[in-house]
């Protein structure tokens, strides 16, 4: 692994709070490290959008065809990313702690695991991303909700 890649990964682990980063030593480490950074940036745009009330950040993170899924009260639920974005009100901020737990990539596909902790619930989201026309987009979000006071 070249020194630049090792430094980037160390910086991500230290500053980004990432639990795991996986880069293949034998296949373009620098490109994969750059992709990991780009994927984390998209995940952070999603997380920051609710904290700041910036709906444009959310729009810039989710592909127009994105889908969201979860299981609520034992029942499967699904909706479009466009519906999800339409529920957000510009300027309406939400108070929660958020962090990227892990990022992994392989070529044009990536996954990010993120956590959002509200006073009364915790979300763990798994974001599937694809690199489309040189840009990373969230194309799918599955999530789990824990409703407890933390």
C-alpha atoms as a PDB file:
ATOM      1  CA  UNK A   1       0.000   0.000   0.000  1.00  0.00           C
ATOM      2  CA  UNK A   2       1.531   3.316  -0.955  1.00  0.00           C
ATOM      3  CA  UNK A   3       2.132   5.978   1.718  1.00  0.00           C
ATOM      4  CA  UNK A   4      -0.507   8.432   0.369  1.00  0.00           C
ATOM      5  CA  UNK A   5      -3.225   5.785   0.586  1.00  0.00           C
ATOM      6  CA  UNK A   6      -2.161   4.769   4.084  1.00  0.00           C
ATOM      7  CA  UNK A   7      -2.257   8.418   5.201  1.00  0.00           C
ATOM      8  CA  UNK A   8      -5.717   8.954   3.691  1.00  0.00           C
ATOM      9  CA  UNK A   9      -7.067   5.837   5.393  1.00  0.00           C
ATOM     10  CA  UNK A  10      -5.507   6.841   8.719  1.00  0.00           C
ATOM     11  CA  UNK A  11      -7.037  10.310   8.418  1.00  0.00           C
ATOM     12  CA  UNK A  12     -10.453   8.834   7.651  1.00  0.00           C
ATOM     13  CA  UNK A  13     -10.279   6.510  10.628  1.00  0.00           C
ATOM     14  CA  UNK A  14      -9.160   9.303  12.928  1.00  0.00           C
ATOM     15  CA  UNK A  15     -11.388  12.174  11.794  1.00  0.00           C
ATOM     16  CA  UNK A  16     -14.292  10.420  10.133  1.00  0.00           C
ATOM     17  CA  UNK A  17     -15.043   7.999  12.938  1.00  0.00           C
ATOM     18  CA  UNK A  18     -15.192   5.115  10.490  1.00  0.00           C
ATOM     19  CA  UNK A  19     -15.349   1.712  12.105  1.00  0.00           C
ATOM     20  CA  UNK A  20     -14.044  -0.070   9.020  1.00  0.00           C
ATOM     21  CA  UNK A  21     -12.585   0.852   5.698  1.00  0.00           C
ATOM     22  CA  UNK A  22     -11.710  -1.845   3.273  1.00  0.00           C
ATOM     23  CA  UNK A  23      -9.350  -1.202   0.382  1.00  0.00           C
ATOM     24  CA  UNK A  24      -7.767  -3.885  -1.735  1.00  0.00           C
ATOM     25  CA  UNK A  25      -3.976  -3.684  -1.669  1.00  0.00           C
ATOM     26  CA  UNK A  26      -3.595  -5.143  -5.125  1.00  0.00           C
ATOM     27  CA  UNK A  27      -6.095  -3.023  -7.110  1.00  0.00           C
ATOM     28  CA  UNK A  28      -5.538   0.720  -7.436  1.00  0.00           C
ATOM     29  CA  UNK A  29      -5.419   1.596  -3.734  1.00  0.00           C
ATOM     30  CA  UNK A  30      -5.381   5.317  -4.399  1.00  0.00           C
ATOM     31  CA  UNK A  31      -8.483   5.171  -6.593  1.00  0.00           C
ATOM     32  CA  UNK A  32     -10.330   3.112  -3.990  1.00  0.00           C
ATOM     33  CA  UNK A  33      -9.239   5.498  -1.212  1.00  0.00           C
ATOM     34  CA  UNK A  34     -10.502   8.408  -3.322  1.00  0.00           C
ATOM     35  CA  UNK A  35     -13.780   6.553  -3.854  1.00  0.00           C
ATOM     36  CA  UNK A  36     -14.102   5.914  -0.119  1.00  0.00           C
ATOM     37  CA  UNK A  37     -13.717   9.634   0.503  1.00  0.00           C
ATOM     38  CA  UNK A  38     -16.287  10.489  -2.173  1.00  0.00           C
ATOM     39  CA  UNK A  39     -18.783   7.939  -0.808  1.00  0.00           C
ATOM     40  CA  UNK A  40     -18.311   9.257   2.722  1.00  0.00           C
ATOM     41  CA  UNK A  41     -18.943  12.810   1.457  1.00  0.00           C
ATOM     42  CA  UNK A  42     -22.284  11.742  -0.044  1.00  0.00           C
ATOM     43  CA  UNK A  43     -23.237   9.940   3.171  1.00  0.00           C
ATOM     44  CA  UNK A  44     -22.315  13.046   5.191  1.00  0.00           C
ATOM     45  CA  UNK A  45     -24.379  15.263   2.879  1.00  0.00           C
ATOM     46  CA  UNK A  46     -27.377  13.042   3.632  1.00  0.00           C
ATOM     47  CA  UNK A  47     -26.699  13.141   7.386  1.00  0.00           C
ATOM     48  CA  UNK A  48     -26.051  16.884   7.470  1.00  0.00           C
ATOM     49  CA  UNK A  49     -29.155  17.734   5.436  1.00  0.00           C
ATOM     50  CA  UNK A  50     -31.496  17.034   8.338  1.00  0.00           C
ATOM     51  CA  UNK A  51     -29.318  18.757  10.903  1.00  0.00           C
ATOM     52  CA  UNK A  52     -29.104  21.936   8.830  1.00  0.00           C
ATOM     53  CA  UNK A  53     -32.480  21.897   7.085  1.00  0.00           C
ATOM     54  CA  UNK A  54     -30.696  21.991   3.711  1.00  0.00           C
ATOM     55  CA  UNK A  55     -32.969  19.978   1.406  1.00  0.00           C
ATOM     56  CA  UNK A  56     -30.641  20.629  -1.537  1.00  0.00           C
ATOM     57  CA  UNK A  57     -27.968  18.546   0.216  1.00  0.00           C
ATOM     58  CA  UNK A  58     -30.444  15.677   0.370  1.00  0.00           C
ATOM     59  CA  UNK A  59     -31.405  16.125  -3.295  1.00  0.00           C
ATOM     60  CA  UNK A  60     -27.727  16.076  -4.207  1.00  0.00           C
ATOM     61  CA  UNK A  61     -27.137  12.819  -2.345  1.00  0.00           C
ATOM     62  CA  UNK A  62     -30.087  10.706  -3.569  1.00  0.00           C
ATOM     63  CA  UNK A  63     -30.413   9.533  -7.150  1.00  0.00           C
ATOM     64  CA  UNK A  64     -33.778  10.393  -8.706  1.00  0.00           C
ATOM     65  CA  UNK A  65     -34.650   6.663  -8.827  1.00  0.00           C
ATOM     66  CA  UNK A  66     -33.602   5.878  -5.238  1.00  0.00           C
ATOM     67  CA  UNK A  67     -35.762   3.602  -3.087  1.00  0.00           C
ATOM     68  CA  UNK A  68     -36.077   3.354   0.712  1.00  0.00           C
ATOM     69  CA  UNK A  69     -37.155   0.242   2.597  1.00  0.00           C
ATOM     70  CA  UNK A  70     -37.660  -0.892   6.158  1.00  0.00           C
ATOM     71  CA  UNK A  71     -39.719  -3.203   8.305  1.00  0.00           C
ATOM     72  CA  UNK A  72     -42.090  -1.463  10.724  1.00  0.00           C
ATOM     73  CA  UNK A  73     -44.197  -3.430  13.193  1.00  0.00           C
ATOM     74  CA  UNK A  74     -43.350  -6.590  11.260  1.00  0.00           C
ATOM     75  CA  UNK A  75     -44.508  -5.156   7.941  1.00  0.00           C
ATOM     76  CA  UNK A  76     -42.377  -4.294   4.944  1.00  0.00           C
ATOM     77  CA  UNK A  77     -42.542  -0.630   3.923  1.00  0.00           C
ATOM     78  CA  UNK A  78     -41.133   1.006   0.815  1.00  0.00           C
ATOM     79  CA  UNK A  79     -41.206   4.431  -0.797  1.00  0.00           C
ATOM     80  CA  UNK A  80     -39.291   6.464  -3.330  1.00  0.00           C
ATOM     81  CA  UNK A  81     -36.412   8.777  -2.620  1.00  0.00           C
ATOM     82  CA  UNK A  82     -38.475  11.565  -4.168  1.00  0.00           C
ATOM     83  CA  UNK A  83     -41.234  10.981  -1.581  1.00  0.00           C
ATOM     84  CA  UNK A  84     -38.631  10.992   1.191  1.00  0.00           C
ATOM     85  CA  UNK A  85     -37.182  14.286  -0.039  1.00  0.00           C
ATOM     86  CA  UNK A  86     -40.665  15.842  -0.353  1.00  0.00           C
ATOM     87  CA  UNK A  87     -41.288  15.223   3.363  1.00  0.00           C
ATOM     88  CA  UNK A  88     -38.396  17.512   4.270  1.00  0.00           C
ATOM     89  CA  UNK A  89     -39.084  21.211   4.762  1.00  0.00           C
ATOM     90  CA  UNK A  90     -36.326  23.661   3.792  1.00  0.00           C
ATOM     91  CA  UNK A  91     -34.849  25.306   6.863  1.00  0.00           C
ATOM     92  CA  UNK A  92     -36.395  22.804   9.327  1.00  0.00           C
ATOM     93  CA  UNK A  93     -33.544  21.494  11.428  1.00  0.00           C
ATOM     94  CA  UNK A  94     -33.537  18.239  13.371  1.00  0.00           C
ATOM     95  CA  UNK A  95     -31.482  17.675  16.492  1.00  0.00           C
ATOM     96  CA  UNK A  96     -29.596  14.402  16.273  1.00  0.00           C
ATOM     97  CA  UNK A  97     -26.109  13.015  16.425  1.00  0.00           C
ATOM     98  CA  UNK A  98     -24.924  11.395  13.218  1.00  0.00           C
ATOM     99  CA  UNK A  99     -21.886   9.521  12.096  1.00  0.00           C
ATOM    100  CA  UNK A 100     -20.617   7.304   9.336  1.00  0.00           C
ATOM    101  CA  UNK A 101     -19.855   3.907  10.821  1.00  0.00           C
ATOM    102  CA  UNK A 102     -18.285   2.243   7.782  1.00  0.00           C
ATOM    103  CA  UNK A 103     -17.706   2.581   4.068  1.00  0.00           C
ATOM    104  CA  UNK A 104     -16.739  -0.047   1.526  1.00  0.00           C
ATOM    105  CA  UNK A 105     -16.389   0.097  -2.241  1.00  0.00           C
ATOM    106  CA  UNK A 106     -15.737  -2.152  -5.199  1.00  0.00           C
ATOM    107  CA  UNK A 107     -15.439  -0.438  -8.549  1.00  0.00           C
ATOM    108  CA  UNK A 108     -18.630   1.516  -9.181  1.00  0.00           C
ATOM    109  CA  UNK A 109     -20.557   0.069  -6.212  1.00  0.00           C
ATOM    110  CA  UNK A 110     -20.302   1.082  -2.562  1.00  0.00           C
ATOM    111  CA  UNK A 111     -22.080   0.784   0.746  1.00  0.00           C
ATOM    112  CA  UNK A 112     -22.074   3.102   3.759  1.00  0.00           C
ATOM    113  CA  UNK A 113     -23.434   2.265   7.193  1.00  0.00           C
ATOM    114  CA  UNK A 114     -24.555   5.365   9.099  1.00  0.00           C
ATOM    115  CA  UNK A 115     -26.164   6.077  12.455  1.00  0.00           C
ATOM    116  CA  UNK A 116     -28.578   8.833  13.486  1.00  0.00           C
ATOM    117  CA  UNK A 117     -29.314   9.148  17.207  1.00  0.00           C
ATOM    118  CA  UNK A 118     -32.309  11.217  18.296  1.00  0.00           C
ATOM    119  CA  UNK A 119     -33.384  11.681  21.936  1.00  0.00           C
ATOM    120  CA  UNK A 120     -36.087   9.004  21.578  1.00  0.00           C
ATOM    121  CA  UNK A 121     -34.852   6.742  18.778  1.00  0.00           C
ATOM    122  CA  UNK A 122     -31.849   5.505  16.865  1.00  0.00           C
ATOM    123  CA  UNK A 123     -31.629   4.743  13.157  1.00  0.00           C
ATOM    124  CA  UNK A 124     -29.050   2.540  11.482  1.00  0.00           C
ATOM    125  CA  UNK A 125     -29.082   3.093   7.737  1.00  0.00           C
ATOM    126  CA  UNK A 126     -27.371   1.030   5.075  1.00  0.00           C
ATOM    127  CA  UNK A 127     -26.862   3.211   2.030  1.00  0.00           C
ATOM    128  CA  UNK A 128     -26.167   1.568  -1.334  1.00  0.00           C
ATOM    129  CA  UNK A 129     -24.345   3.871  -3.714  1.00  0.00           C
ATOM    130  CA  UNK A 130     -23.415   3.664  -7.366  1.00  0.00           C
ATOM    131  CA  UNK A 131     -20.950   5.778  -9.290  1.00  0.00           C
ATOM    132  CA  UNK A 132     -22.925   7.086 -12.249  1.00  0.00           C
ATOM    133  CA  UNK A 133     -21.240   9.340 -14.816  1.00  0.00           C
ATOM    134  CA  UNK A 134     -18.317   9.919 -12.448  1.00  0.00           C
ATOM    135  CA  UNK A 135     -20.485  10.871  -9.442  1.00  0.00           C
ATOM    136  CA  UNK A 136     -21.593   8.820  -6.427  1.00  0.00           C
ATOM    137  CA  UNK A 137     -25.326   8.633  -5.685  1.00  0.00           C
ATOM    138  CA  UNK A 138     -27.384   6.925  -2.985  1.00  0.00           C
ATOM    139  CA  UNK A 139     -29.605   4.552  -4.947  1.00  0.00           C
ATOM    140  CA  UNK A 140     -31.063   2.608  -2.042  1.00  0.00           C
ATOM    141  CA  UNK A 141     -31.491   3.040   1.686  1.00  0.00           C
ATOM    142  CA  UNK A 142     -32.565   0.282   4.048  1.00  0.00           C
ATOM    143  CA  UNK A 143     -32.806   1.063   7.708  1.00  0.00           C
ATOM    144  CA  UNK A 144     -33.625  -0.169  11.175  1.00  0.00           C
ATOM    145  CA  UNK A 145     -35.248   1.947  13.905  1.00  0.00           C
ATOM    146  CA  UNK A 146     -34.852   1.443  17.642  1.00  0.00           C
ATOM    147  CA  UNK A 147     -37.369   3.425  19.652  1.00  0.00           C
ATOM    148  CA  UNK A 148     -35.920   3.937  23.095  1.00  0.00           C
ATOM    149  CA  UNK A 149     -34.669   6.805  25.181  1.00  0.00           C
ATOM    150  CA  UNK A 150     -30.888   6.893  25.003  1.00  0.00           C
END
